C-alpha cells in the first residue's frame, strides 16, 4: 500500500506526522469519495512529488473517473483563486474588491460531482494555500448545505497533515543532497 510506503519515508523526528497521516486517512469518517478527493486535491496542492506519487494511485482506485477529475479540477482552480482572492484581500486598497475578477471559474458551477464534495475539496486546498477569503466562502457554502463543522475540520486536518508531510519530505530530500 502506497500509504504505508509514504509513512515509512517520514523521518523519526516527525513521528507525529506519520501517526497523523495514518489516522486522518485510515480512520476518517468521511465517505470514500470525500476522503479520497480531499487526499488527491491536497496531495496536488502540497506540491510534493513524493506525496502525490504515493497517494495518487490509491486515490484513483477509490474514486470514480468523474470524482478523480473533479478533485484535480478543485486543486487547479483553487491554485488560481487562492492567489487572486488572497491578494485582493491583503491589498490595503479596498477598491480592488470592487473590480471585476474577469477569470473563468466554470468548474465551480459544474464540477461533475456533488457540489458539497467539490466545495470540501476546494476548502481543503484553500487551507493549504492560506486564502482566508476562500476558506470563509467555501465554509459558508458547506454550512448552508448542512455540512457539520466536524466534517469541515476533518478535511482541514487532512490538508494540514498532507502539507506537513510534503514539506518534511521535500526538505529532507534537499538536505540529503547537500
Protein backbone atom coordinates (compact mmCIF):
# COMPACT_ATOMS: atom_id res chain seq x y z
CA UNK A 1 0.00 0.00 0.00
CA UNK A 2 1.37 3.39 -1.00
CA UNK A 3 0.20 4.99 2.25
CA UNK A 4 2.48 2.63 4.20
CA UNK A 5 5.40 3.49 1.91
CA UNK A 6 4.75 7.18 2.41
CA UNK A 7 4.59 6.72 6.18
CA UNK A 8 7.85 4.76 6.15
CA UNK A 9 9.55 7.65 4.30
CA UNK A 10 8.75 10.08 7.11
CA UNK A 11 11.81 10.58 9.35
CA UNK A 12 11.74 9.66 13.03
CA UNK A 13 11.85 13.29 14.14
CA UNK A 14 8.43 13.72 12.50
CA UNK A 15 6.84 10.65 14.08
CA UNK A 16 3.69 12.66 14.88
CA UNK A 17 3.18 13.25 11.16
CA UNK A 18 3.48 9.52 10.48
CA UNK A 19 0.86 8.77 13.12
CA UNK A 20 -1.40 11.58 11.99
CA UNK A 21 -1.18 10.56 8.32
CA UNK A 22 -2.35 7.07 9.18
CA UNK A 23 -5.08 8.45 11.38
CA UNK A 24 -6.56 11.15 9.13
CA UNK A 25 -6.71 8.78 6.16
CA UNK A 26 -7.10 5.38 7.79
CA UNK A 27 -9.60 6.39 10.46
CA UNK A 28 -11.52 9.03 8.58
CA UNK A 29 -15.29 9.05 8.91
CA UNK A 30 -15.66 10.87 5.61
CA UNK A 31 -17.37 8.94 2.81
CA UNK A 32 -14.82 7.40 0.40
CA UNK A 33 -15.37 9.99 -2.32
CA UNK A 34 -14.99 12.94 0.05
CA UNK A 35 -11.95 11.36 1.70
CA UNK A 36 -10.02 10.41 -1.42
CA UNK A 37 -10.99 13.55 -3.30
CA UNK A 38 -9.65 15.58 -0.38
CA UNK A 39 -6.48 13.47 -0.29
CA UNK A 40 -5.87 13.86 -4.04
CA UNK A 41 -6.60 17.61 -4.16
CA UNK A 42 -4.36 18.19 -1.14
CA UNK A 43 -1.56 15.99 -2.48
CA UNK A 44 -1.57 18.10 -5.64
CA UNK A 45 -1.70 21.34 -3.61
CA UNK A 46 1.21 20.17 -1.42
CA UNK A 47 3.49 20.46 -4.47
CA UNK A 48 5.38 17.41 -3.23
CA UNK A 49 6.20 14.91 -5.98
CA UNK A 50 6.71 12.17 -3.37
CA UNK A 51 3.38 12.78 -1.64
CA UNK A 52 1.50 12.98 -4.93
CA UNK A 53 3.14 9.92 -6.48
CA UNK A 54 2.44 7.81 -3.38
CA UNK A 55 -1.16 8.92 -2.73
CA UNK A 56 -2.49 9.36 -6.28
CA UNK A 57 -2.77 5.65 -7.21
CA UNK A 58 -4.87 4.86 -4.14
CA UNK A 59 -7.00 7.96 -4.68
CA UNK A 60 -7.56 6.94 -8.30
CA UNK A 61 -8.56 3.43 -7.21
CA UNK A 62 -11.09 4.82 -4.72
CA UNK A 63 -12.66 7.50 -6.93
CA UNK A 64 -14.87 7.35 -9.98
CA UNK A 65 -13.35 8.85 -13.10
CA UNK A 66 -15.59 11.90 -12.62
CA UNK A 67 -14.57 12.39 -8.99
CA UNK A 68 -10.88 11.90 -9.84
CA UNK A 69 -11.11 14.63 -12.48
CA UNK A 70 -13.15 16.90 -10.19
CA UNK A 71 -10.59 16.61 -7.37
CA UNK A 72 -7.82 17.58 -9.80
CA UNK A 73 -10.04 20.43 -11.01
CA UNK A 74 -10.53 21.65 -7.43
CA UNK A 75 -6.75 21.77 -6.93
CA UNK A 76 -6.27 23.58 -10.23
CA UNK A 77 -8.96 26.23 -9.86
CA UNK A 78 -8.05 26.92 -6.25
CA UNK A 79 -4.38 27.34 -7.18
CA UNK A 80 -5.57 30.32 -9.22
CA UNK A 81 -8.36 31.57 -6.95
CA UNK A 82 -6.34 31.37 -3.75
CA UNK A 83 -3.65 33.64 -5.17
CA UNK A 84 -6.14 36.06 -6.72
CA UNK A 85 -8.55 36.39 -3.77
CA UNK A 86 -5.84 36.29 -1.11
CA UNK A 87 -4.05 39.13 -2.90
CA UNK A 88 -7.21 41.20 -3.23
CA UNK A 89 -7.89 40.66 0.44
CA UNK A 90 -4.35 41.56 1.53
CA UNK A 91 -4.02 44.71 -0.56
CA UNK A 92 -4.70 47.74 1.61
CA UNK A 93 -6.68 49.45 -1.16
CA UNK A 94 -10.28 48.16 -0.81
CA UNK A 95 -11.12 49.29 -4.35
CA UNK A 96 -9.55 46.11 -5.75
CA UNK A 97 -12.51 44.27 -4.21
CA UNK A 98 -14.85 46.28 -6.43
CA UNK A 99 -13.09 45.38 -9.68
CA UNK A 100 -14.44 42.56 -11.85
CA UNK A 101 -12.30 39.44 -11.50
CA UNK A 102 -12.64 38.50 -15.17
CA UNK A 103 -11.34 34.98 -14.52
CA UNK A 104 -13.13 31.87 -15.74
CA UNK A 105 -14.27 29.57 -12.95
CA UNK A 106 -16.90 27.46 -14.73
CA UNK A 107 -15.83 24.26 -12.98
CA UNK A 108 -17.11 25.60 -9.66
CA UNK A 109 -20.63 25.77 -11.10
CA UNK A 110 -20.42 22.38 -12.84
CA UNK A 111 -17.75 20.27 -11.13
CA UNK A 112 -19.02 16.89 -12.34
CA UNK A 113 -19.64 15.64 -8.78
CA UNK A 114 -21.86 16.62 -5.87
CA UNK A 115 -21.36 20.32 -5.12
CA UNK A 116 -20.66 19.57 -1.44
CA UNK A 117 -17.75 17.29 -2.33
CA UNK A 118 -16.19 19.85 -4.64
CA UNK A 119 -16.65 22.60 -2.06
CA UNK A 120 -15.00 20.45 0.62
CA UNK A 121 -12.01 19.77 -1.65
CA UNK A 122 -11.79 23.47 -2.51
CA UNK A 123 -11.84 24.38 1.17
CA UNK A 124 -9.04 21.91 1.95
CA UNK A 125 -6.85 23.27 -0.85
CA UNK A 126 -7.60 26.82 0.32
CA UNK A 127 -6.36 25.84 3.78
CA UNK A 128 -3.04 24.72 2.28
CA UNK A 129 -2.78 27.86 0.18
CA UNK A 130 -3.76 30.15 3.05
CA UNK A 131 -6.62 32.09 1.48
CA UNK A 132 -8.90 33.29 4.25
CA UNK A 133 -11.46 34.75 1.88
CA UNK A 134 -11.77 31.44 0.02
CA UNK A 135 -11.90 29.48 3.28
CA UNK A 136 -14.77 31.64 4.51
CA UNK A 137 -16.60 31.40 1.20
CA UNK A 138 -16.38 27.60 0.91
CA UNK A 139 -17.13 27.07 4.61
CA UNK A 140 -20.30 29.16 4.30
CA UNK A 141 -21.47 27.19 1.25
CA UNK A 142 -20.80 23.92 3.07
CA UNK A 143 -22.56 25.01 6.25
CA UNK A 144 -25.55 26.29 4.24
CA UNK A 145 -25.72 22.84 2.60
CA UNK A 146 -25.93 21.22 6.04
CA UNK A 147 -22.34 20.03 6.38
CA UNK A 148 -21.32 19.94 10.03
CA UNK A 149 -18.22 21.56 11.49
CA UNK A 150 -16.67 18.17 12.26
CA UNK A 151 -16.69 17.23 8.56
CA UNK A 152 -15.14 20.55 7.60
CA UNK A 153 -12.50 20.17 10.30
CA UNK A 154 -11.77 16.65 9.09
CA UNK A 155 -10.94 17.99 5.62
CA UNK A 156 -8.72 20.69 7.15
CA UNK A 157 -6.91 18.07 9.24
CA UNK A 158 -6.24 16.02 6.10
CA UNK A 159 -4.94 19.16 4.36
CA UNK A 160 -2.68 20.09 7.26
CA UNK A 161 -1.15 16.64 7.62
CA UNK A 162 -0.59 16.13 3.88
CA UNK A 163 1.01 19.58 3.62
CA UNK A 164 3.26 18.90 6.61
CA UNK A 165 4.34 15.53 5.22
CA UNK A 166 5.13 17.15 1.87
CA UNK A 167 7.18 19.93 3.44
CA UNK A 168 9.07 17.45 5.62
CA UNK A 169 9.87 15.00 2.83
CA UNK A 170 10.89 17.69 0.35
CA UNK A 171 13.13 19.46 2.86
CA UNK A 172 14.76 16.17 3.83
CA UNK A 173 15.40 15.41 0.15
CA UNK A 174 17.14 18.78 -0.25
CA UNK A 175 19.19 18.29 2.91
CA UNK A 176 20.21 14.78 1.85
CA UNK A 177 21.51 16.17 -1.44
CA UNK A 178 23.84 18.69 0.22
